[in-house]
Amino acid sequence: MHVTAPQIFSIMMTHYSTYLVMFIEFLLGIGIGYAATKVAKYILALIVLIILGTLLGIWSLGISLQKLILMFVGNLDKLWSLINIIMTGLSIVMIGPVLAGIIVGVVIALLRK
């Protein structure tokens, strides 16, 4: 039996628990967006420090950055296929409410300086 995406979506929307879960995910997204906006500069600093530490670690091992990039590009196809599988598995029903909440949380945090 072949089930299409609209059929799955209509079945999911007949249960009240789906609406409750989507509302809770939306609220969680607001919290994530608000908190991430408030700590964005610290997150950026952390990312920069991690990148610098990684580059220093690579340099200390004697591997050139060019060799590392070539190794990464060689595995890029595998990474892209993994990303496609994950994106296909996560539908808009799963990420939609959280993404909408994150956007609302970011807007609230920016307006509430």
PDB file of N, CA and C in Angstrom:
ATOM      1  N   MET A   1       0.837  -1.170   0.000  1.00  0.00           N
ATOM      2  CA  MET A   1       0.000   0.000   0.000  1.00  0.00           C
ATOM      3  C   MET A   1       0.888   1.242   0.000  1.00  0.00           C
ATOM      4  N   HIS A   2       0.671   2.110  -0.941  1.00  0.00           N
ATOM      5  CA  HIS A   2       1.471   3.330  -1.077  1.00  0.00           C
ATOM      6  C   HIS A   2       0.725   4.488  -0.421  1.00  0.00           C
ATOM      7  N   VAL A   3       1.363   5.097   0.561  1.00  0.00           N
ATOM      8  CA  VAL A   3       0.760   6.217   1.277  1.00  0.00           C
ATOM      9  C   VAL A   3       1.510   7.483   0.879  1.00  0.00           C
ATOM     10  N   THR A   4       0.764   8.505   0.539  1.00  0.00           N
ATOM     11  CA  THR A   4       1.391   9.765   0.125  1.00  0.00           C
ATOM     12  C   THR A   4       1.531  10.704   1.313  1.00  0.00           C
ATOM     13  N   ALA A   5       2.344  11.735   1.130  1.00  0.00           N
ATOM     14  CA  ALA A   5       2.570  12.710   2.196  1.00  0.00           C
ATOM     15  C   ALA A   5       1.294  13.447   2.596  1.00  0.00           C
ATOM     16  N   PRO A   6       0.442  13.868   1.652  1.00  0.00           N
ATOM     17  CA  PRO A   6      -0.807  14.528   2.080  1.00  0.00           C
ATOM     18  C   PRO A   6      -1.715  13.613   2.908  1.00  0.00           C
ATOM     19  N   GLN A   7      -1.709  12.312   2.607  1.00  0.00           N
ATOM     20  CA  GLN A   7      -2.513  11.376   3.407  1.00  0.00           C
ATOM     21  C   GLN A   7      -1.982  11.293   4.831  1.00  0.00           C
ATOM     22  N   ILE A   8      -0.671  11.227   4.974  1.00  0.00           N
ATOM     23  CA  ILE A   8      -0.065  11.176   6.309  1.00  0.00           C
ATOM     24  C   ILE A   8      -0.384  12.465   7.068  1.00  0.00           C
ATOM     25  N   PHE A   9      -0.276  13.601   6.385  1.00  0.00           N
ATOM     26  CA  PHE A   9      -0.555  14.896   7.007  1.00  0.00           C
ATOM     27  C   PHE A   9      -2.011  14.971   7.469  1.00  0.00           C
ATOM     28  N   SER A  10      -2.951  14.505   6.645  1.00  0.00           N
ATOM     29  CA  SER A  10      -4.366  14.562   7.031  1.00  0.00           C
ATOM     30  C   SER A  10      -4.659  13.637   8.208  1.00  0.00           C
ATOM     31  N   ILE A  11      -4.013  12.490   8.265  1.00  0.00           N
ATOM     32  CA  ILE A  11      -4.200  11.576   9.399  1.00  0.00           C
ATOM     33  C   ILE A  11      -3.662  12.209  10.678  1.00  0.00           C
ATOM     34  N   MET A  12      -2.490  12.866  10.575  1.00  0.00           N
ATOM     35  CA  MET A  12      -1.893  13.498  11.745  1.00  0.00           C
ATOM     36  C   MET A  12      -2.753  14.642  12.268  1.00  0.00           C
ATOM     37  N   MET A  13      -3.390  15.370  11.376  1.00  0.00           N
ATOM     38  CA  MET A  13      -4.184  16.527  11.776  1.00  0.00           C
ATOM     39  C   MET A  13      -5.541  16.154  12.372  1.00  0.00           C
ATOM     40  N   THR A  14      -5.921  14.873  12.338  1.00  0.00           N
ATOM     41  CA  THR A  14      -7.190  14.469  12.936  1.00  0.00           C
ATOM     42  C   THR A  14      -7.060  14.243  14.438  1.00  0.00           C
ATOM     43  N   HIS A  15      -5.848  14.170  14.949  1.00  0.00           N
ATOM     44  CA  HIS A  15      -5.630  13.928  16.373  1.00  0.00           C
ATOM     45  C   HIS A  15      -5.325  15.245  17.082  1.00  0.00           C
ATOM     46  N   TYR A  16      -5.994  15.481  18.203  1.00  0.00           N
ATOM     47  CA  TYR A  16      -5.786  16.732  18.953  1.00  0.00           C
ATOM     48  C   TYR A  16      -4.385  16.818  19.530  1.00  0.00           C
ATOM     49  N   SER A  17      -3.768  15.685  19.787  1.00  0.00           N
ATOM     50  CA  SER A  17      -2.427  15.710  20.372  1.00  0.00           C
ATOM     51  C   SER A  17      -1.419  16.339  19.409  1.00  0.00           C
ATOM     52  N   THR A  18      -1.670  16.237  18.119  1.00  0.00           N
ATOM     53  CA  THR A  18      -0.772  16.857  17.145  1.00  0.00           C
ATOM     54  C   THR A  18      -0.754  18.367  17.309  1.00  0.00           C
ATOM     55  N   TYR A  19      -1.938  18.945  17.506  1.00  0.00           N
ATOM     56  CA  TYR A  19      -2.013  20.395  17.707  1.00  0.00           C
ATOM     57  C   TYR A  19      -1.312  20.815  19.000  1.00  0.00           C
ATOM     58  N   LEU A  20      -1.476  20.015  20.050  1.00  0.00           N
ATOM     59  CA  LEU A  20      -0.839  20.318  21.323  1.00  0.00           C
ATOM     60  C   LEU A  20       0.683  20.263  21.189  1.00  0.00           C
ATOM     61  N   VAL A  21       1.173  19.238  20.510  1.00  0.00           N
ATOM     62  CA  VAL A  21       2.621  19.100  20.315  1.00  0.00           C
ATOM     63  C   VAL A  21       3.153  20.252  19.473  1.00  0.00           C
ATOM     64  N   MET A  22       2.419  20.640  18.429  1.00  0.00           N
ATOM     65  CA  MET A  22       2.866  21.756  17.590  1.00  0.00           C
ATOM     66  C   MET A  22       2.900  23.055  18.387  1.00  0.00           C
ATOM     67  N   PHE A  23       1.940  23.266  19.283  1.00  0.00           N
ATOM     68  CA  PHE A  23       1.918  24.464  20.113  1.00  0.00           C
ATOM     69  C   PHE A  23       3.097  24.470  21.083  1.00  0.00           C
ATOM     70  N   ILE A  24       3.372  23.330  21.699  1.00  0.00           N
ATOM     71  CA  ILE A  24       4.511  23.233  22.621  1.00  0.00           C
ATOM     72  C   ILE A  24       5.820  23.451  21.876  1.00  0.00           C
ATOM     73  N   GLU A  25       5.946  22.875  20.663  1.00  0.00           N
ATOM     74  CA  GLU A  25       7.148  23.091  19.866  1.00  0.00           C
ATOM     75  C   GLU A  25       7.307  24.568  19.513  1.00  0.00           C
ATOM     76  N   PHE A  26       6.196  25.239  19.221  1.00  0.00           N
ATOM     77  CA  PHE A  26       6.232  26.664  18.921  1.00  0.00           C
ATOM     78  C   PHE A  26       6.752  27.450  20.125  1.00  0.00           C
ATOM     79  N   LEU A  27       6.261  27.119  21.328  1.00  0.00           N
ATOM     80  CA  LEU A  27       6.730  27.801  22.538  1.00  0.00           C
ATOM     81  C   LEU A  27       8.210  27.523  22.794  1.00  0.00           C
ATOM     82  N   LEU A  28       8.639  26.293  22.562  1.00  0.00           N
ATOM     83  CA  LEU A  28      10.058  25.968  22.716  1.00  0.00           C
ATOM     84  C   LEU A  28      10.909  26.751  21.716  1.00  0.00           C
ATOM     85  N   GLY A  29      10.393  26.901  20.504  1.00  0.00           N
ATOM     86  CA  GLY A  29      11.101  27.682  19.498  1.00  0.00           C
ATOM     87  C   GLY A  29      11.241  29.132  19.898  1.00  0.00           C
ATOM     88  N   ILE A  30      10.186  29.701  20.513  1.00  0.00           N
ATOM     89  CA  ILE A  30      10.274  31.081  20.996  1.00  0.00           C
ATOM     90  C   ILE A  30      11.389  31.193  22.038  1.00  0.00           C
ATOM     91  N   GLY A  31      11.439  30.243  22.946  1.00  0.00           N
ATOM     92  CA  GLY A  31      12.498  30.260  23.962  1.00  0.00           C
ATOM     93  C   GLY A  31      13.880  30.138  23.356  1.00  0.00           C
ATOM     94  N   ILE A  32      14.037  29.253  22.380  1.00  0.00           N
ATOM     95  CA  ILE A  32      15.337  29.083  21.726  1.00  0.00           C
ATOM     96  C   ILE A  32      15.740  30.358  20.996  1.00  0.00           C
ATOM     97  N   GLY A  33      14.802  30.937  20.251  1.00  0.00           N
ATOM     98  CA  GLY A  33      15.111  32.154  19.502  1.00  0.00           C
ATOM     99  C   GLY A  33      15.463  33.311  20.407  1.00  0.00           C
ATOM    100  N   TYR A  34      14.715  33.475  21.491  1.00  0.00           N
ATOM    101  CA  TYR A  34      14.971  34.569  22.431  1.00  0.00           C
ATOM    102  C   TYR A  34      16.339  34.398  23.094  1.00  0.00           C
ATOM    103  N   ALA A  35      16.589  33.196  23.602  1.00  0.00           N
ATOM    104  CA  ALA A  35      17.854  32.951  24.297  1.00  0.00           C
ATOM    105  C   ALA A  35      19.040  33.049  23.338  1.00  0.00           C
ATOM    106  N   ALA A  36      18.888  32.522  22.133  1.00  0.00           N
ATOM    107  CA  ALA A  36      19.997  32.556  21.172  1.00  0.00           C
ATOM    108  C   ALA A  36      20.324  33.983  20.765  1.00  0.00           C
ATOM    109  N   THR A  37      19.298  34.814  20.639  1.00  0.00           N
ATOM    110  CA  THR A  37      19.550  36.206  20.268  1.00  0.00           C
ATOM    111  C   THR A  37      20.278  36.937  21.397  1.00  0.00           C
ATOM    112  N   LYS A  38      19.900  36.655  22.627  1.00  0.00           N
ATOM    113  CA  LYS A  38      20.534  37.333  23.761  1.00  0.00           C
ATOM    114  C   LYS A  38      21.989  36.915  23.953  1.00  0.00           C
ATOM    115  N   VAL A  39      22.324  35.700  23.564  1.00  0.00           N
ATOM    116  CA  VAL A  39      23.691  35.225  23.779  1.00  0.00           C
ATOM    117  C   VAL A  39      24.460  35.060  22.469  1.00  0.00           C
ATOM    118  N   ALA A  40      23.985  35.707  21.400  1.00  0.00           N
ATOM    119  CA  ALA A  40      24.599  35.523  20.079  1.00  0.00           C
ATOM    120  C   ALA A  40      26.076  35.888  20.068  1.00  0.00           C
ATOM    121  N   LYS A  41      26.443  36.979  20.728  1.00  0.00           N
ATOM    122  CA  LYS A  41      27.857  37.376  20.696  1.00  0.00           C
ATOM    123  C   LYS A  41      28.738  36.343  21.397  1.00  0.00           C
ATOM    124  N   TYR A  42      28.224  35.717  22.436  1.00  0.00           N
ATOM    125  CA  TYR A  42      29.000  34.685  23.121  1.00  0.00           C
ATOM    126  C   TYR A  42      29.106  33.429  22.275  1.00  0.00           C
ATOM    127  N   ILE A  43      28.048  33.110  21.577  1.00  0.00           N
ATOM    128  CA  ILE A  43      28.072  31.947  20.692  1.00  0.00           C
ATOM    129  C   ILE A  43      29.071  32.177  19.562  1.00  0.00           C
ATOM    130  N   LEU A  44      29.063  33.388  18.966  1.00  0.00           N
ATOM    131  CA  LEU A  44      30.014  33.692  17.901  1.00  0.00           C
ATOM    132  C   LEU A  44      31.449  33.633  18.410  1.00  0.00           C
ATOM    133  N   ALA A  45      31.681  34.149  19.610  1.00  0.00           N
ATOM    134  CA  ALA A  45      33.025  34.088  20.193  1.00  0.00           C
ATOM    135  C   ALA A  45      33.447  32.636  20.422  1.00  0.00           C
ATOM    136  N   LEU A  46      32.520  31.817  20.883  1.00  0.00           N
ATOM    137  CA  LEU A  46      32.820  30.402  21.103  1.00  0.00           C
ATOM    138  C   LEU A  46      33.165  29.706  19.794  1.00  0.00           C
ATOM    139  N   ILE A  47      32.414  29.996  18.738  1.00  0.00           N
ATOM    140  CA  ILE A  47      32.687  29.377  17.438  1.00  0.00           C
ATOM    141  C   ILE A  47      34.059  29.802  16.916  1.00  0.00           C
ATOM    142  N   VAL A  48      34.385  31.077  17.044  1.00  0.00           N
ATOM    143  CA  VAL A  48      35.692  31.566  16.591  1.00  0.00           C
ATOM    144  C   VAL A  48      36.810  30.883  17.376  1.00  0.00           C
ATOM    145  N   LEU A  49      36.647  30.756  18.679  1.00  0.00           N
ATOM    146  CA  LEU A  49      37.675  30.098  19.495  1.00  0.00           C
ATOM    147  C   LEU A  49      37.830  28.626  19.133  1.00  0.00           C
ATOM    148  N   ILE A  50      36.729  27.960  18.861  1.00  0.00           N
ATOM    149  CA  ILE A  50      36.804  26.550  18.472  1.00  0.00           C
ATOM    150  C   ILE A  50      37.514  26.403  17.129  1.00  0.00           C
ATOM    151  N   ILE A  51      37.200  27.282  16.183  1.00  0.00           N
ATOM    152  CA  ILE A  51      37.861  27.227  14.871  1.00  0.00           C
ATOM    153  C   ILE A  51      39.359  27.497  15.013  1.00  0.00           C
ATOM    154  N   LEU A  52      39.726  28.495  15.802  1.00  0.00           N
ATOM    155  CA  LEU A  52      41.148  28.783  16.010  1.00  0.00           C
ATOM    156  C   LEU A  52      41.859  27.608  16.678  1.00  0.00           C
ATOM    157  N   GLY A  53      41.208  27.015  17.673  1.00  0.00           N
ATOM    158  CA  GLY A  53      41.805  25.851  18.331  1.00  0.00           C
ATOM    159  C   GLY A  53      41.981  24.681  17.379  1.00  0.00           C
ATOM    160  N   THR A  54      41.014  24.475  16.513  1.00  0.00           N
ATOM    161  CA  THR A  54      41.105  23.397  15.532  1.00  0.00           C
ATOM    162  C   THR A  54      42.235  23.652  14.546  1.00  0.00           C
ATOM    163  N   LEU A  55      42.338  24.883  14.062  1.00  0.00           N
ATOM    164  CA  LEU A  55      43.421  25.213  13.131  1.00  0.00           C
ATOM    165  C   LEU A  55      44.789  25.056  13.787  1.00  0.00           C
ATOM    166  N   LEU A  56      44.903  25.456  15.058  1.00  0.00           N
ATOM    167  CA  LEU A  56      46.176  25.259  15.767  1.00  0.00           C
ATOM    168  C   LEU A  56      46.485  23.779  15.944  1.00  0.00           C
ATOM    169  N   GLY A  57      45.464  22.982  16.217  1.00  0.00           N
ATOM    170  CA  GLY A  57      45.665  21.544  16.349  1.00  0.00           C
ATOM    171  C   GLY A  57      46.120  20.912  15.047  1.00  0.00           C
ATOM    172  N   ILE A  58      45.526  21.343  13.938  1.00  0.00           N
ATOM    173  CA  ILE A  58      45.935  20.837  12.629  1.00  0.00           C
ATOM    174  C   ILE A  58      47.367  21.249  12.323  1.00  0.00           C
ATOM    175  N   TRP A  59      47.690  22.490  12.626  1.00  0.00           N
ATOM    176  CA  TRP A  59      49.040  22.989  12.374  1.00  0.00           C
ATOM    177  C   TRP A  59      50.069  22.236  13.210  1.00  0.00           C
ATOM    178  N   SER A  60      49.722  21.918  14.465  1.00  0.00           N
ATOM    179  CA  SER A  60      50.675  21.215  15.326  1.00  0.00           C
ATOM    180  C   SER A  60      50.908  19.779  14.863  1.00  0.00           C
ATOM    181  N   LEU A  61      49.948  19.186  14.161  1.00  0.00           N
ATOM    182  CA  LEU A  61      50.120  17.830  13.642  1.00  0.00           C
ATOM    183  C   LEU A  61      50.935  17.798  12.358  1.00  0.00           C
ATOM    184  N   GLY A  62      51.153  18.957  11.774  1.00  0.00           N
ATOM    185  CA  GLY A  62      51.952  19.024  10.559  1.00  0.00           C
ATOM    186  C   GLY A  62      51.133  18.818   9.298  1.00  0.00           C
ATOM    187  N   ILE A  63      49.830  18.808   9.411  1.00  0.00           N
ATOM    188  CA  ILE A  63      48.981  18.660   8.236  1.00  0.00           C
ATOM    189  C   ILE A  63      48.695  20.059   7.705  1.00  0.00           C
ATOM    190  N   SER A  64      48.897  20.234   6.415  1.00  0.00           N
ATOM    191  CA  SER A  64      48.631  21.561   5.858  1.00  0.00           C
ATOM    192  C   SER A  64      47.128  21.751   5.692  1.00  0.00           C
ATOM    193  N   LEU A  65      46.737  22.983   5.670  1.00  0.00           N
ATOM    194  CA  LEU A  65      45.322  23.309   5.503  1.00  0.00           C
ATOM    195  C   LEU A  65      44.835  22.860   4.132  1.00  0.00           C
ATOM    196  N   GLN A  66      45.701  22.889   3.139  1.00  0.00           N
ATOM    197  CA  GLN A  66      45.328  22.458   1.793  1.00  0.00           C
ATOM    198  C   GLN A  66      45.002  20.967   1.773  1.00  0.00           C
ATOM    199  N   LYS A  67      45.789  20.158   2.468  1.00  0.00           N
ATOM    200  CA  LYS A  67      45.518  18.721   2.530  1.00  0.00           C
ATOM    201  C   LYS A  67      44.203  18.454   3.249  1.00  0.00           C
ATOM    202  N   LEU A  68      43.962  19.211   4.307  1.00  0.00           N
ATOM    203  CA  LEU A  68      42.722  19.039   5.052  1.00  0.00           C
ATOM    204  C   LEU A  68      41.512  19.379   4.183  1.00  0.00           C
ATOM    205  N   ILE A  69      41.605  20.460   3.433  1.00  0.00           N
ATOM    206  CA  ILE A  69      40.497  20.856   2.553  1.00  0.00           C
ATOM    207  C   ILE A  69      40.274  19.787   1.482  1.00  0.00           C
ATOM    208  N   LEU A  70      41.346  19.236   0.927  1.00  0.00           N
ATOM    209  CA  LEU A  70      41.204  18.182  -0.074  1.00  0.00           C
ATOM    210  C   LEU A  70      40.541  16.941   0.522  1.00  0.00           C
ATOM    211  N   MET A  71      40.898  16.596   1.757  1.00  0.00           N
ATOM    212  CA  MET A  71      40.268  15.454   2.426  1.00  0.00           C
ATOM    213  C   MET A  71      38.787  15.735   2.650  1.00  0.00           C
ATOM    214  N   PHE A  72      38.457  16.949   3.028  1.00  0.00           N
ATOM    215  CA  PHE A  72      37.061  17.311   3.283  1.00  0.00           C
ATOM    216  C   PHE A  72      36.245  17.295   1.996  1.00  0.00           C
ATOM    217  N   VAL A  73      36.805  17.850   0.920  1.00  0.00           N
ATOM    218  CA  VAL A  73      36.086  17.891  -0.355  1.00  0.00           C
ATOM    219  C   VAL A  73      35.860  16.476  -0.867  1.00  0.00           C
ATOM    220  N   GLY A  74      36.783  15.585  -0.601  1.00  0.00           N
ATOM    221  CA  GLY A  74      36.613  14.192  -1.016  1.00  0.00           C
ATOM    222  C   GLY A  74      35.433  13.530  -0.329  1.00  0.00           C
ATOM    223  N   ASN A  75      35.150  13.924   0.895  1.00  0.00           N
ATOM    224  CA  ASN A  75      34.034  13.345   1.638  1.00  0.00           C
ATOM    225  C   ASN A  75      32.774  14.199   1.559  1.00  0.00           C
ATOM    226  N   LEU A  76      32.799  15.259   0.770  1.00  0.00           N
ATOM    227  CA  LEU A  76      31.665  16.170   0.675  1.00  0.00           C
ATOM    228  C   LEU A  76      30.432  15.490   0.084  1.00  0.00           C
ATOM    229  N   ASP A  77      30.625  14.584  -0.877  1.00  0.00           N
ATOM    230  CA  ASP A  77      29.487  13.873  -1.470  1.00  0.00           C
ATOM    231  C   ASP A  77      28.764  13.023  -0.437  1.00  0.00           C
ATOM    232  N   LYS A  78      29.522  12.344   0.415  1.00  0.00           N
ATOM    233  CA  LYS A  78      28.908  11.531   1.472  1.00  0.00           C
ATOM    234  C   LYS A  78      28.144  12.416   2.450  1.00  0.00           C
ATOM    235  N   LEU A  79      28.736  13.556   2.792  1.00  0.00           N
ATOM    236  CA  LEU A  79      28.079  14.483   3.711  1.00  0.00           C
ATOM    237  C   LEU A  79      26.791  15.029   3.097  1.00  0.00           C
ATOM    238  N   TRP A  80      26.830  15.378   1.822  1.00  0.00           N
ATOM    239  CA  TRP A  80      25.647  15.921   1.150  1.00  0.00           C
ATOM    240  C   TRP A  80      24.533  14.880   1.095  1.00  0.00           C
ATOM    241  N   SER A  81      24.859  13.620   0.830  1.00  0.00           N
ATOM    242  CA  SER A  81      23.818  12.591   0.800  1.00  0.00           C
ATOM    243  C   SER A  81      23.228  12.373   2.189  1.00  0.00           C
ATOM    244  N   LEU A  82      24.043  12.472   3.232  1.00  0.00           N
ATOM    245  CA  LEU A  82      23.533  12.353   4.598  1.00  0.00           C
ATOM    246  C   LEU A  82      22.605  13.518   4.930  1.00  0.00           C
ATOM    247  N   ILE A  83      22.975  14.729   4.512  1.00  0.00           N
ATOM    248  CA  ILE A  83      22.128  15.895   4.753  1.00  0.00           C
ATOM    249  C   ILE A  83      20.792  15.735   4.031  1.00  0.00           C
ATOM    250  N   ASN A  84      20.815  15.219   2.801  1.00  0.00           N
ATOM    251  CA  ASN A  84      19.565  15.000   2.062  1.00  0.00           C
ATOM    252  C   ASN A  84      18.666  13.988   2.756  1.00  0.00           C
ATOM    253  N   ILE A  85      19.249  12.933   3.297  1.00  0.00           N
ATOM    254  CA  ILE A  85      18.458  11.925   4.007  1.00  0.00           C
ATOM    255  C   ILE A  85      17.820  12.533   5.247  1.00  0.00           C
ATOM    256  N   ILE A  86      18.585  13.320   5.996  1.00  0.00           N
ATOM    257  CA  ILE A  86      18.056  13.952   7.209  1.00  0.00           C
ATOM    258  C   ILE A  86      16.960  14.947   6.861  1.00  0.00           C
ATOM    259  N   MET A  87      17.176  15.759   5.824  1.00  0.00           N
ATOM    260  CA  MET A  87      16.173  16.747   5.428  1.00  0.00           C
ATOM    261  C   MET A  87      14.887  16.074   4.966  1.00  0.00           C
ATOM    262  N   THR A  88      15.009  14.931   4.279  1.00  0.00           N
ATOM    263  CA  THR A  88      13.824  14.212   3.836  1.00  0.00           C
ATOM    264  C   THR A  88      13.085  13.624   5.027  1.00  0.00           C
ATOM    265  N   GLY A  89      13.822  13.127   5.994  1.00  0.00           N
ATOM    266  CA  GLY A  89      13.199  12.531   7.174  1.00  0.00           C
ATOM    267  C   GLY A  89      12.487  13.540   8.049  1.00  0.00           C
ATOM    268  N   LEU A  90      13.000  14.744   8.125  1.00  0.00           N
ATOM    269  CA  LEU A  90      12.372  15.785   8.942  1.00  0.00           C
ATOM    270  C   LEU A  90      11.451  16.610   8.060  1.00  0.00           C
ATOM    271  N   SER A  91      10.180  16.416   8.212  1.00  0.00           N
ATOM    272  CA  SER A  91       9.229  17.146   7.365  1.00  0.00           C
ATOM    273  C   SER A  91       8.900  18.493   7.980  1.00  0.00           C
ATOM    274  N   ILE A  92       8.123  19.287   7.263  1.00  0.00           N
ATOM    275  CA  ILE A  92       7.745  20.619   7.727  1.00  0.00           C
ATOM    276  C   ILE A  92       6.871  20.538   8.971  1.00  0.00           C
ATOM    277  N   VAL A  93       6.152  19.409   9.141  1.00  0.00           N
ATOM    278  CA  VAL A  93       5.314  19.248  10.331  1.00  0.00           C
ATOM    279  C   VAL A  93       6.182  19.170  11.578  1.00  0.00           C
ATOM    280  N   MET A  94       7.396  18.609  11.434  1.00  0.00           N
ATOM    281  CA  MET A  94       8.271  18.457  12.592  1.00  0.00           C
ATOM    282  C   MET A  94       9.063  19.730  12.880  1.00  0.00           C
ATOM    283  N   ILE A  95       9.536  20.416  11.852  1.00  0.00           N
ATOM    284  CA  ILE A  95      10.363  21.578  12.084  1.00  0.00           C
ATOM    285  C   ILE A  95       9.621  22.895  11.952  1.00  0.00           C
ATOM    286  N   GLY A  96       8.498  22.898  11.339  1.00  0.00           N
ATOM    287  CA  GLY A  96       7.761  24.131  11.103  1.00  0.00           C
ATOM    288  C   GLY A  96       7.439  24.919  12.358  1.00  0.00           C
ATOM    289  N   PRO A  97       6.805  24.296  13.360  1.00  0.00           N
ATOM    290  CA  PRO A  97       6.471  25.057  14.572  1.00  0.00           C
ATOM    291  C   PRO A  97       7.692  25.586  15.315  1.00  0.00           C
ATOM    292  N   VAL A  98       8.739  24.796  15.377  1.00  0.00           N
ATOM    293  CA  VAL A  98       9.944  25.239  16.082  1.00  0.00           C
ATOM    294  C   VAL A  98      10.590  26.396  15.328  1.00  0.00           C
ATOM    295  N   LEU A  99      10.668  26.293  14.007  1.00  0.00           N
ATOM    296  CA  LEU A  99      11.253  27.371  13.216  1.00  0.00           C
ATOM    297  C   LEU A  99      10.444  28.658  13.349  1.00  0.00           C
ATOM    298  N   ALA A 100       9.128  28.539  13.308  1.00  0.00           N
ATOM    299  CA  ALA A 100       8.280  29.725  13.476  1.00  0.00           C
ATOM    300  C   ALA A 100       8.482  30.329  14.865  1.00  0.00           C
ATOM    301  N   GLY A 101       8.593  29.477  15.879  1.00  0.00           N
ATOM    302  CA  GLY A 101       8.840  29.962  17.229  1.00  0.00           C
ATOM    303  C   GLY A 101      10.180  30.638  17.364  1.00  0.00           C
ATOM    304  N   ILE A 102      11.195  30.098  16.711  1.00  0.00           N
ATOM    305  CA  ILE A 102      12.523  30.710  16.766  1.00  0.00           C
ATOM    306  C   ILE A 102      12.476  32.104  16.153  1.00  0.00           C
ATOM    307  N   ILE A 103      11.800  32.233  15.030  1.00  0.00           N
ATOM    308  CA  ILE A 103      11.699  33.546  14.373  1.00  0.00           C
ATOM    309  C   ILE A 103      10.978  34.535  15.288  1.00  0.00           C
ATOM    310  N   VAL A 104       9.872  34.114  15.903  1.00  0.00           N
ATOM    311  CA  VAL A 104       9.136  34.994  16.817  1.00  0.00           C
ATOM    312  C   VAL A 104       9.999  35.348  18.025  1.00  0.00           C
ATOM    313  N   GLY A 105      10.735  34.372  18.566  1.00  0.00           N
ATOM    314  CA  GLY A 105      11.612  34.630  19.707  1.00  0.00           C
ATOM    315  C   GLY A 105      12.707  35.615  19.385  1.00  0.00           C
ATOM    316  N   VAL A 106      13.292  35.514  18.195  1.00  0.00           N
ATOM    317  CA  VAL A 106      14.327  36.464  17.772  1.00  0.00           C
ATOM    318  C   VAL A 106      13.748  37.865  17.665  1.00  0.00           C
ATOM    319  N   VAL A 107      12.562  37.972  17.082  1.00  0.00           N
ATOM    320  CA  VAL A 107      11.927  39.287  16.948  1.00  0.00           C
ATOM    321  C   VAL A 107      11.628  39.883  18.330  1.00  0.00           C
ATOM    322  N   ILE A 108      11.114  39.066  19.243  1.00  0.00           N
ATOM    323  CA  ILE A 108      10.826  39.548  20.605  1.00  0.00           C
ATOM    324  C   ILE A 108      12.108  40.023  21.279  1.00  0.00           C
ATOM    325  N   ALA A 109      13.183  39.241  21.152  1.00  0.00           N
ATOM    326  CA  ALA A 109      14.438  39.619  21.794  1.00  0.00           C
ATOM    327  C   ALA A 109      15.013  40.903  21.203  1.00  0.00           C
ATOM    328  N   LEU A 110      14.875  41.081  19.903  1.00  0.00           N
ATOM    329  CA  LEU A 110      15.400  42.298  19.276  1.00  0.00           C
ATOM    330  C   LEU A 110      14.568  43.529  19.652  1.00  0.00           C
ATOM    331  N   LEU A 111      13.278  43.348  19.820  1.00  0.00           N
ATOM    332  CA  LEU A 111      12.414  44.470  20.170  1.00  0.00           C
ATOM    333  C   LEU A 111      12.481  44.815  21.652  1.00  0.00           C
ATOM    334  N   ARG A 112      12.889  43.862  22.476  1.00  0.00           N
ATOM    335  CA  ARG A 112      12.910  44.044  23.932  1.00  0.00           C
ATOM    336  C   ARG A 112      14.285  44.377  24.464  1.00  0.00           C
ATOM    337  N   LYS A 113      15.057  45.107  23.783  1.00  0.00           N
ATOM    338  CA  LYS A 113      16.431  45.420  24.229  1.00  0.00           C
ATOM    339  C   LYS A 113      16.376  45.981  25.600  1.00  0.00           C
TER     340      LYS A 113
END
